[in-house]
Amino acid sequence: MGVINFDIEIPSPIPPAKMFKAGVLDADNLAHKMMPDAIKSVETLEGDGALEPSNLPLLAKVRSQHKFVKQRVDAIDKENFTYSYTIIEGDVLTNTFESISYHIKIVASPDGGSICKTRSIYTTKGDAHISEDEIKAGKEKASQIIKAIEAYLLANPDYC
C-alpha cells in the first residue's frame, strides 16, 4: 500500500463564509445547479445527513461518470471553514485505490476573496502507481469544482 499526497490552492473572489456554505454545507443540494452533470442523487446511509461534528454522515452519491461513490465525512469545522471526507467505496476507486481523502480549508485572501486549499490523499492498493497525468487530472477536477461554485455564486449574488 502506498500513499500519494498532493496539494492545490485555488484563489476565488468569493469570501470564505459564502464559499464554505455553498461548496460544503449546501453542496449536495446545489450540485444540480452548479454542475448538473456532477451528482445525480445523494442518499444518507448513516446519520441524518446534517454536516455537524457530532453527526458525521456516511453518504452515497450517484455521479454521472461513476455508478456511485460512498463517502464518509471525517470532520467539519464551520467556524474555521475546514472539511474532511474520505471516499471509501465506489467505482471511482477502481482496482487502484483503497481510499481517497480530501482535506479542505478555505481561508481569506488579502483582496476580500478566499483561497481554497485542498490536500488530496490517495491510498493505493498493493504497489499500484498513480501517473503524473492522473495527478494533473485530479488537480484540474478540483479546480473545475471550485470555479463552478464561484460561477454559481457570482450569477446568484443573493444566495446566502
N, C-alpha and C. Protein backbone atom coordinates (compact mmCIF):
# COMPACT_ATOMS: atom_id res chain seq x y z
N MET A 1 0.85 -1.18 0.00
CA MET A 1 0.00 0.00 0.00
C MET A 1 0.90 1.24 0.00
N GLY A 2 0.56 2.17 -0.85
CA GLY A 2 1.29 3.43 -0.90
C GLY A 2 0.35 4.59 -0.65
N VAL A 3 0.92 5.72 -0.33
CA VAL A 3 0.14 6.93 -0.10
C VAL A 3 0.74 8.04 -0.94
N ILE A 4 -0.10 8.68 -1.72
CA ILE A 4 0.31 9.79 -2.56
C ILE A 4 -0.49 11.01 -2.14
N ASN A 5 0.20 12.11 -1.80
CA ASN A 5 -0.44 13.35 -1.41
C ASN A 5 -0.20 14.40 -2.47
N PHE A 6 -1.18 15.25 -2.68
CA PHE A 6 -0.92 16.46 -3.43
C PHE A 6 -1.80 17.57 -2.92
N ASP A 7 -1.25 18.78 -2.99
CA ASP A 7 -1.94 19.97 -2.51
C ASP A 7 -2.25 20.88 -3.68
N ILE A 8 -3.35 21.59 -3.54
CA ILE A 8 -3.73 22.58 -4.54
C ILE A 8 -4.33 23.78 -3.82
N GLU A 9 -4.03 24.96 -4.31
CA GLU A 9 -4.61 26.20 -3.78
C GLU A 9 -5.26 26.94 -4.93
N ILE A 10 -6.55 27.26 -4.76
CA ILE A 10 -7.29 27.92 -5.82
C ILE A 10 -7.87 29.22 -5.27
N PRO A 11 -7.46 30.35 -5.84
CA PRO A 11 -8.00 31.64 -5.39
C PRO A 11 -9.40 31.86 -5.96
N SER A 12 -10.20 32.61 -5.22
CA SER A 12 -11.55 32.95 -5.66
C SER A 12 -11.91 34.33 -5.13
N PRO A 13 -12.72 35.07 -5.88
CA PRO A 13 -13.17 36.37 -5.37
C PRO A 13 -14.29 36.25 -4.33
N ILE A 14 -14.77 35.04 -4.09
CA ILE A 14 -15.87 34.80 -3.15
C ILE A 14 -15.31 34.74 -1.72
N PRO A 15 -15.92 35.46 -0.76
CA PRO A 15 -15.46 35.41 0.64
C PRO A 15 -15.56 33.99 1.21
N PRO A 16 -14.71 33.67 2.19
CA PRO A 16 -14.67 32.30 2.73
C PRO A 16 -16.00 31.77 3.24
N ALA A 17 -16.74 32.56 4.01
CA ALA A 17 -18.00 32.06 4.59
C ALA A 17 -18.99 31.66 3.51
N LYS A 18 -19.08 32.46 2.47
CA LYS A 18 -20.02 32.17 1.37
C LYS A 18 -19.55 30.96 0.56
N MET A 19 -18.25 30.86 0.33
CA MET A 19 -17.71 29.72 -0.41
C MET A 19 -17.91 28.43 0.38
N PHE A 20 -17.70 28.48 1.70
CA PHE A 20 -17.87 27.29 2.54
C PHE A 20 -19.34 26.86 2.56
N LYS A 21 -20.23 27.81 2.70
CA LYS A 21 -21.66 27.47 2.74
C LYS A 21 -22.08 26.78 1.45
N ALA A 22 -21.73 27.37 0.31
CA ALA A 22 -22.14 26.80 -0.97
C ALA A 22 -21.36 25.54 -1.32
N GLY A 23 -20.06 25.56 -1.09
CA GLY A 23 -19.22 24.45 -1.52
C GLY A 23 -19.18 23.26 -0.60
N VAL A 24 -19.56 23.47 0.66
CA VAL A 24 -19.52 22.36 1.62
C VAL A 24 -20.91 22.12 2.22
N LEU A 25 -21.44 23.11 2.93
CA LEU A 25 -22.69 22.89 3.67
C LEU A 25 -23.88 22.63 2.77
N ASP A 26 -23.96 23.33 1.64
CA ASP A 26 -25.10 23.16 0.73
C ASP A 26 -24.72 22.43 -0.56
N ALA A 27 -23.53 21.87 -0.60
CA ALA A 27 -23.02 21.29 -1.85
C ALA A 27 -23.94 20.22 -2.44
N ASP A 28 -24.45 19.33 -1.60
CA ASP A 28 -25.28 18.26 -2.15
C ASP A 28 -26.58 18.78 -2.74
N ASN A 29 -27.11 19.86 -2.17
CA ASN A 29 -28.35 20.46 -2.70
C ASN A 29 -28.08 21.33 -3.92
N LEU A 30 -26.91 21.97 -3.96
CA LEU A 30 -26.60 22.89 -5.05
C LEU A 30 -25.90 22.23 -6.23
N ALA A 31 -25.42 21.02 -6.06
CA ALA A 31 -24.64 20.37 -7.12
C ALA A 31 -25.40 20.33 -8.44
N HIS A 32 -26.70 20.10 -8.37
CA HIS A 32 -27.50 20.04 -9.60
C HIS A 32 -27.52 21.38 -10.32
N LYS A 33 -27.46 22.45 -9.55
CA LYS A 33 -27.48 23.79 -10.14
C LYS A 33 -26.08 24.22 -10.60
N MET A 34 -25.08 23.90 -9.79
CA MET A 34 -23.71 24.33 -10.09
C MET A 34 -23.08 23.47 -11.19
N MET A 35 -23.27 22.17 -11.08
CA MET A 35 -22.68 21.23 -12.03
C MET A 35 -23.72 20.14 -12.30
N PRO A 36 -24.64 20.42 -13.21
CA PRO A 36 -25.75 19.49 -13.43
C PRO A 36 -25.34 18.05 -13.74
N ASP A 37 -24.16 17.86 -14.31
CA ASP A 37 -23.74 16.51 -14.64
C ASP A 37 -22.92 15.83 -13.54
N ALA A 38 -22.63 16.56 -12.48
CA ALA A 38 -21.72 16.04 -11.46
C ALA A 38 -22.37 15.01 -10.53
N ILE A 39 -23.46 15.39 -9.88
CA ILE A 39 -24.09 14.50 -8.90
C ILE A 39 -25.56 14.36 -9.27
N LYS A 40 -25.99 13.12 -9.43
CA LYS A 40 -27.38 12.88 -9.80
C LYS A 40 -28.27 12.71 -8.58
N SER A 41 -27.74 12.09 -7.50
CA SER A 41 -28.52 11.94 -6.28
C SER A 41 -27.59 11.70 -5.10
N VAL A 42 -28.11 11.98 -3.91
CA VAL A 42 -27.37 11.78 -2.67
C VAL A 42 -28.28 11.05 -1.69
N GLU A 43 -27.75 10.02 -1.07
CA GLU A 43 -28.51 9.26 -0.09
C GLU A 43 -27.68 9.17 1.18
N THR A 44 -28.29 9.48 2.32
CA THR A 44 -27.61 9.37 3.60
C THR A 44 -27.73 7.92 4.06
N LEU A 45 -26.61 7.28 4.30
CA LEU A 45 -26.60 5.88 4.73
C LEU A 45 -26.56 5.74 6.25
N GLU A 46 -25.91 6.69 6.92
CA GLU A 46 -25.84 6.73 8.38
C GLU A 46 -25.98 8.17 8.82
N GLY A 47 -26.61 8.41 9.95
CA GLY A 47 -26.81 9.77 10.43
C GLY A 47 -28.00 10.39 9.70
N ASP A 48 -28.26 11.66 10.01
CA ASP A 48 -29.42 12.31 9.39
C ASP A 48 -29.02 13.20 8.21
N GLY A 49 -27.74 13.14 7.83
CA GLY A 49 -27.28 13.91 6.69
C GLY A 49 -26.76 15.29 7.02
N ALA A 50 -27.04 15.75 8.24
CA ALA A 50 -26.58 17.08 8.65
C ALA A 50 -25.06 17.06 8.85
N LEU A 51 -24.39 18.04 8.30
CA LEU A 51 -22.94 18.13 8.47
C LEU A 51 -22.64 18.83 9.78
N GLU A 52 -22.68 18.07 10.83
CA GLU A 52 -22.41 18.54 12.18
C GLU A 52 -21.30 17.67 12.77
N PRO A 53 -20.41 18.25 13.58
CA PRO A 53 -19.34 17.45 14.17
C PRO A 53 -19.82 16.23 14.95
N SER A 54 -20.98 16.33 15.58
CA SER A 54 -21.49 15.21 16.36
C SER A 54 -22.26 14.21 15.51
N ASN A 55 -22.47 14.53 14.24
CA ASN A 55 -23.27 13.67 13.37
C ASN A 55 -22.61 13.61 12.00
N LEU A 56 -21.50 12.90 11.91
CA LEU A 56 -20.78 12.83 10.66
C LEU A 56 -21.40 11.72 9.79
N PRO A 57 -22.12 12.10 8.74
CA PRO A 57 -22.86 11.11 7.96
C PRO A 57 -21.99 10.29 7.01
N LEU A 58 -22.53 9.17 6.62
CA LEU A 58 -21.98 8.34 5.55
C LEU A 58 -22.93 8.52 4.38
N LEU A 59 -22.41 8.96 3.25
CA LEU A 59 -23.25 9.30 2.11
C LEU A 59 -22.92 8.43 0.91
N ALA A 60 -23.93 8.16 0.11
CA ALA A 60 -23.72 7.53 -1.20
C ALA A 60 -24.15 8.54 -2.23
N LYS A 61 -23.26 8.82 -3.18
CA LYS A 61 -23.56 9.79 -4.22
C LYS A 61 -23.51 9.09 -5.57
N VAL A 62 -24.51 9.32 -6.38
CA VAL A 62 -24.52 8.79 -7.73
C VAL A 62 -24.05 9.90 -8.65
N ARG A 63 -22.95 9.67 -9.30
CA ARG A 63 -22.36 10.66 -10.19
C ARG A 63 -22.56 10.21 -11.63
N SER A 64 -22.49 11.18 -12.52
CA SER A 64 -22.73 10.86 -13.92
C SER A 64 -21.67 9.94 -14.51
N GLN A 65 -20.40 10.16 -14.18
CA GLN A 65 -19.35 9.35 -14.78
C GLN A 65 -19.06 8.08 -13.99
N HIS A 66 -19.63 7.95 -12.80
CA HIS A 66 -19.44 6.76 -11.97
C HIS A 66 -20.79 6.28 -11.48
N LYS A 67 -20.89 4.98 -11.22
CA LYS A 67 -22.15 4.44 -10.74
C LYS A 67 -22.51 4.96 -9.36
N PHE A 68 -21.52 4.96 -8.46
CA PHE A 68 -21.76 5.53 -7.14
C PHE A 68 -20.44 5.74 -6.42
N VAL A 69 -20.50 6.60 -5.43
CA VAL A 69 -19.35 6.89 -4.57
C VAL A 69 -19.88 6.91 -3.14
N LYS A 70 -19.28 6.10 -2.29
CA LYS A 70 -19.65 6.13 -0.88
C LYS A 70 -18.56 6.92 -0.15
N GLN A 71 -19.00 7.96 0.54
CA GLN A 71 -18.02 8.77 1.26
C GLN A 71 -18.41 8.94 2.71
N ARG A 72 -17.37 8.99 3.52
CA ARG A 72 -17.53 9.17 4.96
C ARG A 72 -17.06 10.58 5.29
N VAL A 73 -17.89 11.32 6.01
CA VAL A 73 -17.48 12.64 6.47
C VAL A 73 -16.64 12.42 7.72
N ASP A 74 -15.39 12.91 7.67
CA ASP A 74 -14.46 12.68 8.76
C ASP A 74 -14.45 13.81 9.78
N ALA A 75 -14.56 15.05 9.31
CA ALA A 75 -14.52 16.19 10.23
C ALA A 75 -15.08 17.42 9.53
N ILE A 76 -15.64 18.31 10.34
CA ILE A 76 -16.11 19.59 9.83
C ILE A 76 -15.95 20.63 10.93
N ASP A 77 -15.49 21.80 10.56
CA ASP A 77 -15.36 22.91 11.49
C ASP A 77 -15.90 24.14 10.77
N LYS A 78 -17.14 24.49 11.10
CA LYS A 78 -17.81 25.60 10.42
C LYS A 78 -17.21 26.95 10.74
N GLU A 79 -16.60 27.09 11.90
CA GLU A 79 -16.01 28.37 12.29
C GLU A 79 -14.69 28.64 11.57
N ASN A 80 -13.93 27.56 11.31
CA ASN A 80 -12.63 27.71 10.66
C ASN A 80 -12.66 27.28 9.19
N PHE A 81 -13.85 26.99 8.70
CA PHE A 81 -14.07 26.64 7.29
C PHE A 81 -13.19 25.47 6.85
N THR A 82 -13.21 24.38 7.62
CA THR A 82 -12.49 23.18 7.24
C THR A 82 -13.46 22.01 7.12
N TYR A 83 -13.12 21.09 6.24
CA TYR A 83 -13.98 19.95 5.96
C TYR A 83 -13.11 18.81 5.45
N SER A 84 -13.30 17.63 6.00
CA SER A 84 -12.54 16.45 5.57
C SER A 84 -13.51 15.31 5.31
N TYR A 85 -13.27 14.61 4.22
CA TYR A 85 -14.06 13.43 3.92
C TYR A 85 -13.21 12.42 3.17
N THR A 86 -13.67 11.16 3.18
CA THR A 86 -12.94 10.08 2.55
C THR A 86 -13.88 9.27 1.68
N ILE A 87 -13.47 9.04 0.45
CA ILE A 87 -14.19 8.10 -0.43
C ILE A 87 -13.72 6.72 -0.03
N ILE A 88 -14.67 5.88 0.41
CA ILE A 88 -14.32 4.57 0.93
C ILE A 88 -14.82 3.42 0.05
N GLU A 89 -15.67 3.75 -0.92
CA GLU A 89 -16.20 2.70 -1.78
C GLU A 89 -16.72 3.34 -3.07
N GLY A 90 -16.72 2.56 -4.12
CA GLY A 90 -17.27 3.04 -5.39
C GLY A 90 -16.33 2.78 -6.54
N ASP A 91 -16.89 2.85 -7.74
CA ASP A 91 -16.10 2.55 -8.92
C ASP A 91 -15.04 3.59 -9.22
N VAL A 92 -15.12 4.77 -8.59
CA VAL A 92 -14.07 5.79 -8.75
C VAL A 92 -12.73 5.28 -8.20
N LEU A 93 -12.78 4.36 -7.25
CA LEU A 93 -11.56 3.81 -6.67
C LEU A 93 -10.89 2.81 -7.60
N THR A 94 -11.63 2.29 -8.56
CA THR A 94 -11.16 1.25 -9.48
C THR A 94 -10.47 0.15 -8.68
N ASN A 95 -9.52 -0.50 -9.27
CA ASN A 95 -8.74 -1.52 -8.55
C ASN A 95 -7.43 -0.93 -8.05
N THR A 96 -7.31 0.39 -8.11
CA THR A 96 -6.07 1.06 -7.78
C THR A 96 -6.03 1.58 -6.35
N PHE A 97 -7.17 2.08 -5.86
CA PHE A 97 -7.17 2.79 -4.59
C PHE A 97 -7.93 2.07 -3.50
N GLU A 98 -7.37 2.15 -2.31
CA GLU A 98 -8.06 1.70 -1.10
C GLU A 98 -9.06 2.76 -0.67
N SER A 99 -8.61 4.04 -0.75
CA SER A 99 -9.45 5.17 -0.39
C SER A 99 -8.83 6.45 -0.96
N ILE A 100 -9.64 7.50 -0.99
CA ILE A 100 -9.16 8.83 -1.37
C ILE A 100 -9.74 9.80 -0.35
N SER A 101 -8.86 10.55 0.31
CA SER A 101 -9.29 11.52 1.32
C SER A 101 -9.03 12.93 0.84
N TYR A 102 -9.91 13.83 1.25
CA TYR A 102 -9.78 15.24 0.92
C TYR A 102 -9.89 16.06 2.19
N HIS A 103 -8.96 16.97 2.36
CA HIS A 103 -8.96 17.89 3.49
C HIS A 103 -9.01 19.29 2.90
N ILE A 104 -10.09 19.99 3.18
CA ILE A 104 -10.36 21.29 2.56
C ILE A 104 -10.32 22.37 3.63
N LYS A 105 -9.65 23.44 3.33
CA LYS A 105 -9.62 24.61 4.22
C LYS A 105 -9.78 25.84 3.34
N ILE A 106 -10.72 26.69 3.70
CA ILE A 106 -10.96 27.92 2.94
C ILE A 106 -10.53 29.08 3.83
N VAL A 107 -9.58 29.86 3.32
CA VAL A 107 -9.03 30.98 4.09
C VAL A 107 -9.27 32.28 3.34
N ALA A 108 -9.25 33.36 4.08
CA ALA A 108 -9.44 34.68 3.47
C ALA A 108 -8.19 35.07 2.68
N SER A 109 -8.42 35.72 1.56
CA SER A 109 -7.31 36.27 0.78
C SER A 109 -7.26 37.78 1.02
N PRO A 110 -6.14 38.41 0.78
CA PRO A 110 -5.99 39.84 1.05
C PRO A 110 -6.98 40.73 0.28
N ASP A 111 -7.49 40.24 -0.84
CA ASP A 111 -8.39 41.04 -1.68
C ASP A 111 -9.86 40.91 -1.28
N GLY A 112 -10.15 40.21 -0.18
CA GLY A 112 -11.53 40.03 0.27
C GLY A 112 -12.18 38.74 -0.21
N GLY A 113 -11.49 38.03 -1.07
CA GLY A 113 -11.97 36.74 -1.55
C GLY A 113 -11.47 35.63 -0.65
N SER A 114 -11.20 34.49 -1.26
CA SER A 114 -10.74 33.35 -0.49
C SER A 114 -9.72 32.54 -1.28
N ILE A 115 -9.07 31.67 -0.57
CA ILE A 115 -8.17 30.69 -1.18
C ILE A 115 -8.66 29.33 -0.69
N CYS A 116 -9.00 28.48 -1.62
CA CYS A 116 -9.47 27.14 -1.29
C CYS A 116 -8.26 26.21 -1.33
N LYS A 117 -7.87 25.71 -0.17
CA LYS A 117 -6.71 24.84 -0.05
C LYS A 117 -7.21 23.41 0.13
N THR A 118 -6.74 22.53 -0.73
CA THR A 118 -7.16 21.14 -0.65
C THR A 118 -5.95 20.23 -0.66
N ARG A 119 -5.92 19.31 0.29
CA ARG A 119 -4.93 18.23 0.28
C ARG A 119 -5.68 16.96 -0.08
N SER A 120 -5.22 16.31 -1.13
CA SER A 120 -5.78 15.03 -1.57
C SER A 120 -4.81 13.93 -1.17
N ILE A 121 -5.36 12.88 -0.58
CA ILE A 121 -4.54 11.76 -0.13
C ILE A 121 -5.08 10.49 -0.77
N TYR A 122 -4.29 9.95 -1.69
CA TYR A 122 -4.66 8.73 -2.39
C TYR A 122 -3.93 7.56 -1.74
N THR A 123 -4.68 6.62 -1.20
CA THR A 123 -4.10 5.42 -0.61
C THR A 123 -4.30 4.29 -1.61
N THR A 124 -3.19 3.79 -2.15
CA THR A 124 -3.27 2.79 -3.20
C THR A 124 -3.33 1.37 -2.63
N LYS A 125 -3.82 0.47 -3.45
CA LYS A 125 -3.82 -0.95 -3.11
C LYS A 125 -2.49 -1.54 -3.57
N GLY A 126 -1.90 -2.35 -2.73
CA GLY A 126 -0.66 -3.02 -3.10
C GLY A 126 0.39 -2.03 -3.57
N ASP A 127 1.00 -2.32 -4.69
CA ASP A 127 2.04 -1.44 -5.22
C ASP A 127 1.54 -0.65 -6.43
N ALA A 128 0.26 -0.36 -6.47
CA ALA A 128 -0.33 0.41 -7.57
C ALA A 128 0.35 1.78 -7.65
N HIS A 129 0.41 2.30 -8.84
CA HIS A 129 1.10 3.57 -9.10
C HIS A 129 0.12 4.56 -9.72
N ILE A 130 0.28 5.84 -9.39
CA ILE A 130 -0.51 6.91 -9.99
C ILE A 130 0.41 7.72 -10.88
N SER A 131 0.00 7.92 -12.10
CA SER A 131 0.83 8.67 -13.04
C SER A 131 0.70 10.17 -12.81
N GLU A 132 1.65 10.92 -13.31
CA GLU A 132 1.60 12.38 -13.25
C GLU A 132 0.34 12.90 -13.95
N ASP A 133 -0.08 12.23 -15.03
CA ASP A 133 -1.29 12.64 -15.74
C ASP A 133 -2.53 12.48 -14.87
N GLU A 134 -2.57 11.42 -14.06
CA GLU A 134 -3.70 11.21 -13.16
C GLU A 134 -3.73 12.27 -12.06
N ILE A 135 -2.57 12.63 -11.55
CA ILE A 135 -2.48 13.68 -10.53
C ILE A 135 -2.92 15.01 -11.15
N LYS A 136 -2.45 15.28 -12.35
CA LYS A 136 -2.83 16.51 -13.05
C LYS A 136 -4.34 16.55 -13.27
N ALA A 137 -4.93 15.42 -13.65
CA ALA A 137 -6.38 15.36 -13.86
C ALA A 137 -7.13 15.61 -12.56
N GLY A 138 -6.62 15.08 -11.45
CA GLY A 138 -7.24 15.31 -10.14
C GLY A 138 -7.21 16.78 -9.76
N LYS A 139 -6.10 17.44 -10.02
CA LYS A 139 -5.98 18.87 -9.72
C LYS A 139 -6.93 19.68 -10.61
N GLU A 140 -7.04 19.30 -11.86
CA GLU A 140 -7.93 20.00 -12.79
C GLU A 140 -9.39 19.85 -12.36
N LYS A 141 -9.75 18.66 -11.91
CA LYS A 141 -11.13 18.42 -11.45
C LYS A 141 -11.44 19.28 -10.23
N ALA A 142 -10.50 19.35 -9.29
CA ALA A 142 -10.69 20.18 -8.09
C ALA A 142 -10.88 21.64 -8.50
N SER A 143 -10.08 22.10 -9.43
CA SER A 143 -10.19 23.48 -9.91
C SER A 143 -11.54 23.73 -10.57
N GLN A 144 -12.00 22.78 -11.37
CA GLN A 144 -13.30 22.92 -12.04
C GLN A 144 -14.44 23.02 -11.04
N ILE A 145 -14.37 22.25 -9.97
CA ILE A 145 -15.42 22.28 -8.94
C ILE A 145 -15.45 23.65 -8.27
N ILE A 146 -14.29 24.17 -7.87
CA ILE A 146 -14.22 25.48 -7.23
C ILE A 146 -14.73 26.56 -8.18
N LYS A 147 -14.33 26.49 -9.42
CA LYS A 147 -14.75 27.50 -10.40
C LYS A 147 -16.25 27.40 -10.69
N ALA A 148 -16.83 26.21 -10.62
CA ALA A 148 -18.28 26.06 -10.80
C ALA A 148 -19.03 26.68 -9.63
N ILE A 149 -18.54 26.48 -8.42
CA ILE A 149 -19.15 27.11 -7.24
C ILE A 149 -19.05 28.62 -7.36
N GLU A 150 -17.88 29.09 -7.72
CA GLU A 150 -17.66 30.52 -7.90
C GLU A 150 -18.61 31.11 -8.94
N ALA A 151 -18.73 30.45 -10.08
CA ALA A 151 -19.61 30.94 -11.15
C ALA A 151 -21.06 30.99 -10.69
N TYR A 152 -21.49 29.97 -9.94
CA TYR A 152 -22.86 29.94 -9.44
C TYR A 152 -23.09 31.12 -8.50
N LEU A 153 -22.14 31.35 -7.59
CA LEU A 153 -22.30 32.43 -6.62
C LEU A 153 -22.24 33.82 -7.27
N LEU A 154 -21.43 33.97 -8.28
CA LEU A 154 -21.37 35.25 -8.99
C LEU A 154 -22.66 35.49 -9.77
N ALA A 155 -23.25 34.44 -10.31
CA ALA A 155 -24.50 34.57 -11.05
C ALA A 155 -25.71 34.69 -10.12
N ASN A 156 -25.55 34.31 -8.86
CA ASN A 156 -26.64 34.35 -7.87
C ASN A 156 -26.14 35.10 -6.63
N PRO A 157 -25.91 36.39 -6.73
CA PRO A 157 -25.33 37.15 -5.62
C PRO A 157 -26.17 37.19 -4.36
N ASP A 158 -27.47 36.92 -4.44
CA ASP A 158 -28.32 36.93 -3.26
C ASP A 158 -28.29 35.62 -2.49
N TYR A 159 -27.62 34.60 -3.04
CA TYR A 159 -27.51 33.33 -2.34
C TYR A 159 -26.72 33.55 -1.05
N CYS A 160 -27.20 33.10 0.03
CA CYS A 160 -26.65 33.19 1.40
C CYS A 160 -26.16 34.56 1.70
